[in-house]
Amino acid sequence: MNKHYYSFGNPFKFKFRKHYCYKCGTNLSIITHKKIVSPKSEEAKYYDFSNGVDGGVMVGSCEFIHKVFYCPTCLEEIEFVFQLSFEDLNNFIKKIKRKFFKKEITLAFKKTFETKENKYVDKVIKLEDIQNFCLFIYVNDKEIFVSKFPLLRKKSWERPYYFKINAKEVVEYLNRKLLE
């Protein structure tokens, strides 16, 4: 049986941060995920069957092995790329709060998810149903901005989900709106 080991995500972020489940807040552990995939299956399009030698391709099924986060409460495996992008969003929110608080502007935030049916939900049931992480920003209980961070898929390996953070755009808008 062919075996392919790989890793995704910033190794410093997963080694030196504390990680909590995006659904329930439980402290996450790290486990090894293994999956056997046939190159003739429907899901094969999400996997790389190259053998790394002169453009060669593996023959037959392959066991893909990598590390993932695991939530013992939800019993869910969470890809590093997704978890780290979600944590980066939360860190971005903290930075914005601090930046504007220093300028004596108190921002409030409401975090929600937008489904593919354009409905807003507070909790994610299945990532496949989500299209955006939405950040509603308020000053003095008045909504001033809504930023949507799209849920995308990487173009390699198992094509894990991640949120694309458009931090510069949000900060520029808030600077124009609140500081000029």
N, C-alpha and C. Protein backbone atom coordinates (compact mmCIF):
# COMPACT_ATOMS: atom_id res chain seq x y z
N MET A 1 0.85 -1.19 0.00
CA MET A 1 0.00 0.00 0.00
C MET A 1 0.89 1.23 0.00
N ASN A 2 0.57 2.18 -0.88
CA ASN A 2 1.27 3.46 -0.92
C ASN A 2 0.91 4.27 0.33
N LYS A 3 1.86 5.03 0.83
CA LYS A 3 1.62 5.92 1.96
C LYS A 3 2.18 7.29 1.61
N HIS A 4 1.43 8.32 1.99
CA HIS A 4 1.87 9.68 1.72
C HIS A 4 1.68 10.51 2.98
N TYR A 5 2.77 11.03 3.55
CA TYR A 5 2.73 11.87 4.74
C TYR A 5 2.83 13.33 4.30
N TYR A 6 2.07 14.19 4.95
CA TYR A 6 2.16 15.61 4.65
C TYR A 6 1.69 16.42 5.84
N SER A 7 1.93 17.73 5.79
CA SER A 7 1.46 18.61 6.86
C SER A 7 1.04 19.94 6.25
N PHE A 8 0.14 20.61 6.93
CA PHE A 8 -0.39 21.90 6.52
C PHE A 8 -0.37 22.83 7.72
N GLY A 9 -0.26 24.09 7.48
CA GLY A 9 -0.39 25.07 8.56
C GLY A 9 0.96 25.50 9.09
N ASN A 10 0.95 26.62 9.76
CA ASN A 10 2.15 27.19 10.34
C ASN A 10 2.54 26.39 11.58
N PRO A 11 3.70 25.70 11.57
CA PRO A 11 4.07 24.85 12.71
C PRO A 11 4.24 25.61 14.02
N PHE A 12 4.66 26.88 13.95
CA PHE A 12 4.81 27.67 15.18
C PHE A 12 3.45 27.97 15.80
N LYS A 13 2.45 28.26 14.95
CA LYS A 13 1.12 28.56 15.47
C LYS A 13 0.51 27.34 16.16
N PHE A 14 0.65 26.17 15.58
CA PHE A 14 0.01 25.03 16.25
C PHE A 14 0.83 24.52 17.42
N LYS A 15 2.11 24.81 17.46
CA LYS A 15 2.94 24.36 18.57
C LYS A 15 2.83 25.28 19.79
N PHE A 16 2.78 26.59 19.57
CA PHE A 16 2.88 27.54 20.67
C PHE A 16 1.57 28.23 21.06
N ARG A 17 0.49 27.96 20.40
CA ARG A 17 -0.81 28.53 20.77
C ARG A 17 -1.62 27.48 21.52
N LYS A 18 -2.57 27.97 22.31
CA LYS A 18 -3.58 27.07 22.86
C LYS A 18 -4.71 27.04 21.83
N HIS A 19 -5.29 25.87 21.64
CA HIS A 19 -6.31 25.71 20.60
C HIS A 19 -7.61 25.21 21.23
N TYR A 20 -8.70 25.90 20.87
CA TYR A 20 -10.01 25.56 21.40
C TYR A 20 -10.97 25.33 20.25
N CYS A 21 -11.84 24.37 20.41
CA CYS A 21 -12.81 24.01 19.37
C CYS A 21 -13.66 25.21 18.97
N TYR A 22 -13.78 25.44 17.69
CA TYR A 22 -14.58 26.56 17.18
C TYR A 22 -16.07 26.36 17.44
N LYS A 23 -16.49 25.13 17.73
CA LYS A 23 -17.91 24.86 18.00
C LYS A 23 -18.25 24.97 19.49
N CYS A 24 -17.42 24.33 20.34
CA CYS A 24 -17.80 24.21 21.75
C CYS A 24 -16.81 24.82 22.73
N GLY A 25 -15.63 25.21 22.27
CA GLY A 25 -14.65 25.84 23.14
C GLY A 25 -13.75 24.89 23.93
N THR A 26 -13.89 23.58 23.69
CA THR A 26 -13.06 22.58 24.39
C THR A 26 -11.61 22.66 23.91
N ASN A 27 -10.67 22.43 24.84
CA ASN A 27 -9.25 22.39 24.49
C ASN A 27 -9.01 21.23 23.51
N LEU A 28 -8.33 21.52 22.41
CA LEU A 28 -8.10 20.52 21.37
C LEU A 28 -6.80 19.76 21.60
N SER A 29 -6.79 18.51 21.18
CA SER A 29 -5.56 17.73 21.18
C SER A 29 -5.15 17.52 19.72
N ILE A 30 -3.97 16.94 19.52
CA ILE A 30 -3.49 16.66 18.16
C ILE A 30 -3.41 15.16 18.00
N ILE A 31 -4.00 14.67 16.90
CA ILE A 31 -3.97 13.24 16.60
C ILE A 31 -3.51 13.04 15.16
N THR A 32 -3.23 11.80 14.82
CA THR A 32 -2.85 11.46 13.45
C THR A 32 -4.10 10.98 12.70
N HIS A 33 -4.34 11.60 11.56
CA HIS A 33 -5.47 11.24 10.70
C HIS A 33 -4.93 10.37 9.57
N LYS A 34 -5.61 9.25 9.31
CA LYS A 34 -5.22 8.36 8.21
C LYS A 34 -6.45 8.08 7.37
N LYS A 35 -6.24 8.11 6.07
CA LYS A 35 -7.36 7.82 5.18
C LYS A 35 -6.83 7.13 3.93
N ILE A 36 -7.47 6.02 3.57
CA ILE A 36 -7.10 5.31 2.35
C ILE A 36 -8.03 5.78 1.24
N VAL A 37 -7.42 6.18 0.13
CA VAL A 37 -8.19 6.72 -0.99
C VAL A 37 -7.80 5.99 -2.27
N SER A 38 -8.80 5.56 -3.00
CA SER A 38 -8.57 4.95 -4.30
C SER A 38 -8.49 6.06 -5.35
N PRO A 39 -7.52 5.98 -6.26
CA PRO A 39 -7.42 7.02 -7.29
C PRO A 39 -8.63 7.03 -8.24
N LYS A 40 -9.43 6.00 -8.19
CA LYS A 40 -10.62 5.92 -9.05
C LYS A 40 -11.89 6.40 -8.35
N SER A 41 -11.78 6.79 -7.07
CA SER A 41 -12.95 7.22 -6.31
C SER A 41 -13.30 8.68 -6.62
N GLU A 42 -14.50 9.09 -6.24
CA GLU A 42 -14.96 10.46 -6.44
C GLU A 42 -14.10 11.45 -5.64
N GLU A 43 -13.69 11.07 -4.43
CA GLU A 43 -12.92 11.98 -3.59
C GLU A 43 -11.44 12.08 -4.00
N ALA A 44 -11.00 11.28 -4.94
CA ALA A 44 -9.60 11.30 -5.38
C ALA A 44 -9.19 12.67 -5.91
N LYS A 45 -10.15 13.44 -6.42
CA LYS A 45 -9.83 14.77 -6.95
C LYS A 45 -9.27 15.69 -5.87
N TYR A 46 -9.50 15.36 -4.60
CA TYR A 46 -9.00 16.18 -3.50
C TYR A 46 -7.61 15.77 -3.03
N TYR A 47 -7.02 14.76 -3.62
CA TYR A 47 -5.75 14.21 -3.16
C TYR A 47 -4.70 14.24 -4.26
N ASP A 48 -3.46 14.27 -3.83
CA ASP A 48 -2.33 14.32 -4.74
C ASP A 48 -1.70 12.92 -4.78
N PHE A 49 -1.81 12.25 -5.90
CA PHE A 49 -1.28 10.89 -6.05
C PHE A 49 0.10 10.88 -6.71
N SER A 50 0.73 12.05 -6.82
CA SER A 50 2.08 12.06 -7.41
C SER A 50 3.05 11.44 -6.41
N ASN A 51 4.09 10.82 -6.93
CA ASN A 51 5.06 10.18 -6.04
C ASN A 51 6.29 11.04 -5.81
N GLY A 52 6.32 12.24 -6.40
CA GLY A 52 7.42 13.15 -6.17
C GLY A 52 8.67 12.83 -6.96
N VAL A 53 8.63 11.82 -7.82
CA VAL A 53 9.81 11.43 -8.60
C VAL A 53 9.50 11.65 -10.08
N ASP A 54 10.15 12.64 -10.66
CA ASP A 54 10.04 12.91 -12.10
C ASP A 54 8.59 12.93 -12.60
N GLY A 55 7.68 13.51 -11.83
CA GLY A 55 6.30 13.63 -12.26
C GLY A 55 5.54 12.32 -12.28
N GLY A 56 6.06 11.29 -11.61
CA GLY A 56 5.40 10.00 -11.57
C GLY A 56 4.16 10.01 -10.70
N VAL A 57 3.32 9.01 -10.90
CA VAL A 57 2.07 8.89 -10.15
C VAL A 57 2.03 7.52 -9.49
N MET A 58 1.51 7.49 -8.25
CA MET A 58 1.37 6.22 -7.53
C MET A 58 0.34 5.33 -8.23
N VAL A 59 0.56 4.06 -8.16
CA VAL A 59 -0.37 3.10 -8.74
C VAL A 59 -1.18 2.49 -7.59
N GLY A 60 -2.49 2.50 -7.74
CA GLY A 60 -3.34 1.91 -6.71
C GLY A 60 -3.68 2.88 -5.60
N SER A 61 -4.38 2.36 -4.59
CA SER A 61 -4.83 3.16 -3.46
C SER A 61 -3.65 3.66 -2.64
N CYS A 62 -3.90 4.73 -1.93
CA CYS A 62 -2.84 5.33 -1.11
C CYS A 62 -3.42 5.69 0.25
N GLU A 63 -2.62 5.52 1.30
CA GLU A 63 -3.01 5.96 2.64
C GLU A 63 -2.37 7.33 2.86
N PHE A 64 -3.22 8.33 3.04
CA PHE A 64 -2.77 9.69 3.29
C PHE A 64 -2.76 9.91 4.80
N ILE A 65 -1.62 10.40 5.32
CA ILE A 65 -1.42 10.51 6.76
C ILE A 65 -0.96 11.92 7.10
N HIS A 66 -1.66 12.55 8.04
CA HIS A 66 -1.25 13.86 8.52
C HIS A 66 -1.86 14.12 9.90
N LYS A 67 -1.38 15.15 10.57
CA LYS A 67 -1.88 15.51 11.90
C LYS A 67 -3.08 16.44 11.77
N VAL A 68 -4.02 16.30 12.71
CA VAL A 68 -5.18 17.17 12.79
C VAL A 68 -5.47 17.47 14.26
N PHE A 69 -6.26 18.51 14.51
CA PHE A 69 -6.76 18.76 15.85
C PHE A 69 -7.95 17.83 16.09
N TYR A 70 -8.17 17.50 17.36
CA TYR A 70 -9.31 16.64 17.70
C TYR A 70 -10.04 17.24 18.90
N CYS A 71 -11.36 17.34 18.79
CA CYS A 71 -12.19 17.81 19.89
C CYS A 71 -12.83 16.61 20.57
N PRO A 72 -12.47 16.33 21.84
CA PRO A 72 -13.05 15.18 22.54
C PRO A 72 -14.52 15.36 22.88
N THR A 73 -15.01 16.59 22.89
CA THR A 73 -16.43 16.84 23.18
C THR A 73 -17.29 16.64 21.93
N CYS A 74 -16.90 17.26 20.84
CA CYS A 74 -17.66 17.15 19.58
C CYS A 74 -17.32 15.88 18.81
N LEU A 75 -16.23 15.22 19.21
CA LEU A 75 -15.73 14.03 18.51
C LEU A 75 -15.44 14.36 17.05
N GLU A 76 -14.85 15.52 16.83
CA GLU A 76 -14.61 15.99 15.47
C GLU A 76 -13.12 16.23 15.24
N GLU A 77 -12.66 15.85 14.06
CA GLU A 77 -11.31 16.16 13.62
C GLU A 77 -11.37 17.49 12.88
N ILE A 78 -10.42 18.37 13.19
CA ILE A 78 -10.40 19.70 12.60
C ILE A 78 -9.05 19.91 11.94
N GLU A 79 -9.08 20.21 10.66
CA GLU A 79 -7.84 20.44 9.92
C GLU A 79 -7.10 21.65 10.49
N PHE A 80 -5.77 21.57 10.54
CA PHE A 80 -4.95 22.66 11.04
C PHE A 80 -5.26 23.97 10.31
N VAL A 81 -5.34 23.91 9.00
CA VAL A 81 -5.54 25.12 8.20
C VAL A 81 -6.82 25.83 8.62
N PHE A 82 -7.90 25.10 8.80
CA PHE A 82 -9.15 25.72 9.20
C PHE A 82 -9.05 26.30 10.60
N GLN A 83 -8.59 25.52 11.55
CA GLN A 83 -8.52 25.98 12.93
C GLN A 83 -7.63 27.21 13.06
N LEU A 84 -6.48 27.20 12.42
CA LEU A 84 -5.58 28.34 12.51
C LEU A 84 -6.17 29.58 11.85
N SER A 85 -6.91 29.42 10.75
CA SER A 85 -7.54 30.59 10.12
C SER A 85 -8.63 31.16 11.02
N PHE A 86 -9.36 30.29 11.73
CA PHE A 86 -10.39 30.75 12.66
C PHE A 86 -9.74 31.49 13.84
N GLU A 87 -8.65 30.95 14.36
CA GLU A 87 -7.92 31.62 15.44
C GLU A 87 -7.34 32.96 14.97
N ASP A 88 -6.85 33.01 13.74
CA ASP A 88 -6.33 34.26 13.19
C ASP A 88 -7.43 35.32 13.12
N LEU A 89 -8.64 34.92 12.77
CA LEU A 89 -9.77 35.86 12.77
C LEU A 89 -10.01 36.43 14.16
N ASN A 90 -10.01 35.57 15.16
CA ASN A 90 -10.22 36.03 16.54
C ASN A 90 -9.09 36.95 17.00
N ASN A 91 -7.86 36.63 16.63
CA ASN A 91 -6.73 37.50 16.97
C ASN A 91 -6.83 38.85 16.26
N PHE A 92 -7.28 38.83 15.03
CA PHE A 92 -7.49 40.06 14.27
C PHE A 92 -8.50 40.96 14.97
N ILE A 93 -9.58 40.38 15.46
CA ILE A 93 -10.61 41.15 16.17
C ILE A 93 -10.00 41.80 17.42
N LYS A 94 -9.20 41.06 18.18
CA LYS A 94 -8.55 41.61 19.38
C LYS A 94 -7.64 42.78 19.02
N LYS A 95 -6.89 42.64 17.93
CA LYS A 95 -5.97 43.71 17.52
C LYS A 95 -6.74 44.98 17.14
N ILE A 96 -7.84 44.82 16.40
CA ILE A 96 -8.65 45.98 16.02
C ILE A 96 -9.21 46.66 17.27
N LYS A 97 -9.73 45.87 18.20
CA LYS A 97 -10.26 46.44 19.45
C LYS A 97 -9.20 47.28 20.16
N ARG A 98 -7.99 46.72 20.31
CA ARG A 98 -6.91 47.42 21.00
C ARG A 98 -6.51 48.70 20.26
N LYS A 99 -6.39 48.59 18.94
CA LYS A 99 -5.97 49.75 18.15
C LYS A 99 -6.92 50.92 18.33
N PHE A 100 -8.22 50.67 18.24
CA PHE A 100 -9.18 51.76 18.33
C PHE A 100 -9.45 52.18 19.77
N PHE A 101 -9.28 51.27 20.71
CA PHE A 101 -9.43 51.62 22.12
C PHE A 101 -8.36 52.64 22.53
N LYS A 102 -7.15 52.48 21.98
CA LYS A 102 -6.08 53.44 22.26
C LYS A 102 -6.44 54.83 21.73
N LYS A 103 -7.30 54.88 20.74
CA LYS A 103 -7.74 56.16 20.17
C LYS A 103 -9.09 56.58 20.76
N GLU A 104 -9.44 55.93 21.89
CA GLU A 104 -10.67 56.21 22.65
C GLU A 104 -11.94 55.93 21.86
N ILE A 105 -11.88 54.91 21.03
CA ILE A 105 -13.07 54.45 20.29
C ILE A 105 -13.30 53.00 20.70
N THR A 106 -14.48 52.74 21.26
CA THR A 106 -14.79 51.38 21.70
C THR A 106 -15.63 50.70 20.63
N LEU A 107 -15.09 49.62 20.10
CA LEU A 107 -15.80 48.84 19.08
C LEU A 107 -16.42 47.61 19.72
N ALA A 108 -17.58 47.22 19.22
CA ALA A 108 -18.21 45.97 19.63
C ALA A 108 -18.35 45.12 18.37
N PHE A 109 -18.30 43.81 18.57
CA PHE A 109 -18.33 42.89 17.44
C PHE A 109 -19.39 41.82 17.64
N LYS A 110 -20.00 41.44 16.56
CA LYS A 110 -20.88 40.27 16.55
C LYS A 110 -20.34 39.34 15.48
N LYS A 111 -20.02 38.10 15.90
CA LYS A 111 -19.49 37.11 14.96
C LYS A 111 -20.61 36.14 14.60
N THR A 112 -20.74 35.87 13.32
CA THR A 112 -21.75 34.93 12.86
C THR A 112 -21.26 34.28 11.56
N PHE A 113 -21.97 33.27 11.13
CA PHE A 113 -21.64 32.59 9.89
C PHE A 113 -22.80 32.76 8.92
N GLU A 114 -22.47 32.92 7.65
CA GLU A 114 -23.49 33.01 6.61
C GLU A 114 -23.51 31.69 5.85
N THR A 115 -24.69 31.10 5.74
CA THR A 115 -24.83 29.83 5.04
C THR A 115 -24.93 30.08 3.53
N LYS A 116 -24.87 29.02 2.78
CA LYS A 116 -25.00 29.13 1.33
C LYS A 116 -26.41 29.55 0.93
N GLU A 117 -27.36 29.43 1.86
CA GLU A 117 -28.74 29.88 1.62
C GLU A 117 -28.91 31.33 2.07
N ASN A 118 -27.79 32.03 2.36
CA ASN A 118 -27.78 33.43 2.80
C ASN A 118 -28.52 33.65 4.12
N LYS A 119 -28.45 32.68 5.02
CA LYS A 119 -28.99 32.81 6.36
C LYS A 119 -27.82 32.96 7.33
N TYR A 120 -28.06 33.68 8.42
CA TYR A 120 -27.02 33.87 9.42
C TYR A 120 -27.25 32.92 10.59
N VAL A 121 -26.18 32.22 10.98
CA VAL A 121 -26.25 31.26 12.10
C VAL A 121 -25.07 31.52 13.03
N ASP A 122 -25.28 31.21 14.32
CA ASP A 122 -24.23 31.42 15.32
C ASP A 122 -23.29 30.23 15.42
N LYS A 123 -23.78 29.05 15.07
CA LYS A 123 -22.98 27.82 15.19
C LYS A 123 -22.88 27.13 13.84
N VAL A 124 -21.74 26.50 13.62
CA VAL A 124 -21.52 25.74 12.39
C VAL A 124 -21.91 24.29 12.65
N ILE A 125 -22.77 23.76 11.83
CA ILE A 125 -23.10 22.34 11.89
C ILE A 125 -22.17 21.58 10.95
N LYS A 126 -22.18 21.98 9.67
CA LYS A 126 -21.28 21.38 8.67
C LYS A 126 -20.60 22.51 7.91
N LEU A 127 -19.28 22.41 7.77
CA LEU A 127 -18.54 23.45 7.05
C LEU A 127 -19.02 23.58 5.60
N GLU A 128 -19.47 22.49 5.01
CA GLU A 128 -19.91 22.52 3.62
C GLU A 128 -21.10 23.47 3.42
N ASP A 129 -21.82 23.80 4.51
CA ASP A 129 -22.99 24.67 4.41
C ASP A 129 -22.66 26.15 4.57
N ILE A 130 -21.41 26.46 4.93
CA ILE A 130 -21.02 27.84 5.24
C ILE A 130 -20.35 28.48 4.01
N GLN A 131 -20.67 29.76 3.78
CA GLN A 131 -19.96 30.47 2.71
C GLN A 131 -19.10 31.62 3.25
N ASN A 132 -19.47 32.21 4.41
CA ASN A 132 -18.70 33.33 4.95
C ASN A 132 -18.71 33.34 6.48
N PHE A 133 -17.63 33.84 7.04
CA PHE A 133 -17.60 34.26 8.44
C PHE A 133 -17.91 35.75 8.39
N CYS A 134 -18.91 36.19 9.12
CA CYS A 134 -19.33 37.59 9.07
C CYS A 134 -19.00 38.28 10.37
N LEU A 135 -18.45 39.46 10.24
CA LEU A 135 -18.07 40.26 11.39
C LEU A 135 -18.82 41.59 11.31
N PHE A 136 -19.79 41.74 12.22
CA PHE A 136 -20.55 42.98 12.32
C PHE A 136 -19.82 43.86 13.33
N ILE A 137 -19.53 45.09 12.95
CA ILE A 137 -18.77 45.99 13.81
C ILE A 137 -19.68 47.16 14.20
N TYR A 138 -19.70 47.45 15.51
CA TYR A 138 -20.57 48.47 16.07
C TYR A 138 -19.76 49.51 16.84
N VAL A 139 -20.25 50.76 16.79
CA VAL A 139 -19.76 51.83 17.65
C VAL A 139 -21.00 52.45 18.28
N ASN A 140 -21.02 52.52 19.61
CA ASN A 140 -22.18 53.07 20.34
C ASN A 140 -23.48 52.39 19.93
N ASP A 141 -23.46 51.09 19.85
CA ASP A 141 -24.63 50.27 19.50
C ASP A 141 -25.15 50.52 18.08
N LYS A 142 -24.38 51.19 17.26
CA LYS A 142 -24.78 51.44 15.87
C LYS A 142 -23.86 50.64 14.95
N GLU A 143 -24.47 49.83 14.09
CA GLU A 143 -23.69 49.05 13.14
C GLU A 143 -23.05 49.98 12.13
N ILE A 144 -21.71 49.87 11.99
CA ILE A 144 -21.02 50.74 11.04
C ILE A 144 -20.42 49.97 9.88
N PHE A 145 -20.26 48.66 10.05
CA PHE A 145 -19.56 47.90 8.99
C PHE A 145 -19.83 46.42 9.17
N VAL A 146 -19.95 45.73 8.05
CA VAL A 146 -20.02 44.27 8.04
C VAL A 146 -18.94 43.77 7.09
N SER A 147 -18.08 42.93 7.61
CA SER A 147 -17.04 42.34 6.77
C SER A 147 -17.30 40.85 6.64
N LYS A 148 -17.19 40.35 5.44
CA LYS A 148 -17.39 38.93 5.19
C LYS A 148 -16.08 38.31 4.75
N PHE A 149 -15.71 37.25 5.47
CA PHE A 149 -14.49 36.52 5.17
C PHE A 149 -14.90 35.18 4.55
N PRO A 150 -14.64 34.99 3.26
CA PRO A 150 -15.14 33.78 2.59
C PRO A 150 -14.45 32.49 3.07
N LEU A 151 -15.24 31.43 3.10
CA LEU A 151 -14.72 30.10 3.41
C LEU A 151 -14.30 29.48 2.08
N LEU A 152 -13.00 29.21 1.95
CA LEU A 152 -12.44 28.67 0.71
C LEU A 152 -11.81 27.32 0.99
N ARG A 153 -11.32 26.69 -0.07
CA ARG A 153 -10.61 25.42 0.07
C ARG A 153 -9.23 25.56 -0.54
N LYS A 154 -8.24 24.99 0.13
CA LYS A 154 -6.89 24.94 -0.42
C LYS A 154 -6.93 24.13 -1.71
N LYS A 155 -5.97 24.35 -2.56
CA LYS A 155 -5.97 23.67 -3.86
C LYS A 155 -5.14 22.39 -3.86
N SER A 156 -4.76 21.90 -2.69
CA SER A 156 -3.94 20.69 -2.67
C SER A 156 -4.34 19.77 -1.53
N TRP A 157 -3.81 18.58 -1.58
CA TRP A 157 -4.06 17.50 -0.62
C TRP A 157 -5.55 17.29 -0.41
N GLU A 158 -6.01 17.31 0.81
CA GLU A 158 -7.43 17.03 1.05
C GLU A 158 -8.29 18.27 0.85
N ARG A 159 -7.69 19.32 0.34
CA ARG A 159 -8.38 20.59 0.11
C ARG A 159 -9.11 21.06 1.36
N PRO A 160 -8.37 21.28 2.47
CA PRO A 160 -9.03 21.72 3.70
C PRO A 160 -9.63 23.12 3.55
N TYR A 161 -10.66 23.37 4.33
CA TYR A 161 -11.31 24.67 4.35
C TYR A 161 -10.47 25.66 5.15
N TYR A 162 -10.63 26.95 4.82
CA TYR A 162 -10.01 28.03 5.60
C TYR A 162 -10.75 29.32 5.30
N PHE A 163 -10.65 30.28 6.22
CA PHE A 163 -11.24 31.59 6.00
C PHE A 163 -10.18 32.53 5.43
N LYS A 164 -10.52 33.22 4.36
CA LYS A 164 -9.62 34.21 3.76
C LYS A 164 -9.82 35.52 4.49
N ILE A 165 -8.77 35.98 5.15
CA ILE A 165 -8.86 37.18 5.98
C ILE A 165 -8.43 38.40 5.16
N ASN A 166 -9.33 39.36 5.04
CA ASN A 166 -9.05 40.59 4.31
C ASN A 166 -8.85 41.72 5.32
N ALA A 167 -7.86 41.55 6.18
CA ALA A 167 -7.61 42.47 7.31
C ALA A 167 -7.34 43.89 6.84
N LYS A 168 -6.52 44.05 5.83
CA LYS A 168 -6.15 45.39 5.35
C LYS A 168 -7.38 46.19 4.94
N GLU A 169 -8.29 45.55 4.23
CA GLU A 169 -9.51 46.21 3.77
C GLU A 169 -10.35 46.69 4.95
N VAL A 170 -10.49 45.86 5.97
CA VAL A 170 -11.30 46.21 7.14
C VAL A 170 -10.66 47.38 7.89
N VAL A 171 -9.37 47.30 8.13
CA VAL A 171 -8.67 48.36 8.87
C VAL A 171 -8.72 49.68 8.11
N GLU A 172 -8.52 49.63 6.80
CA GLU A 172 -8.59 50.86 5.99
C GLU A 172 -9.97 51.49 6.07
N TYR A 173 -11.01 50.68 5.98
CA TYR A 173 -12.38 51.21 6.06
C TYR A 173 -12.61 51.86 7.43
N LEU A 174 -12.24 51.15 8.50
CA LEU A 174 -12.45 51.70 9.85
C LEU A 174 -11.66 52.98 10.07
N ASN A 175 -10.44 53.03 9.56
CA ASN A 175 -9.64 54.26 9.67
C ASN A 175 -10.33 55.42 8.98
N ARG A 176 -10.84 55.19 7.77
CA ARG A 176 -11.54 56.24 7.03
C ARG A 176 -12.81 56.67 7.76
N LYS A 177 -13.56 55.71 8.23
CA LYS A 177 -14.86 55.97 8.85
C LYS A 177 -14.73 56.64 10.22
N LEU A 178 -13.75 56.18 11.02
CA LEU A 178 -13.70 56.60 12.42
C LEU A 178 -12.62 57.62 12.75
N LEU A 179 -11.59 57.72 11.94
CA LEU A 179 -10.47 58.58 12.30
C LEU A 179 -10.32 59.83 11.43
N GLU A 180 -11.09 59.90 10.38
CA GLU A 180 -10.95 61.09 9.50
C GLU A 180 -12.02 62.11 9.80
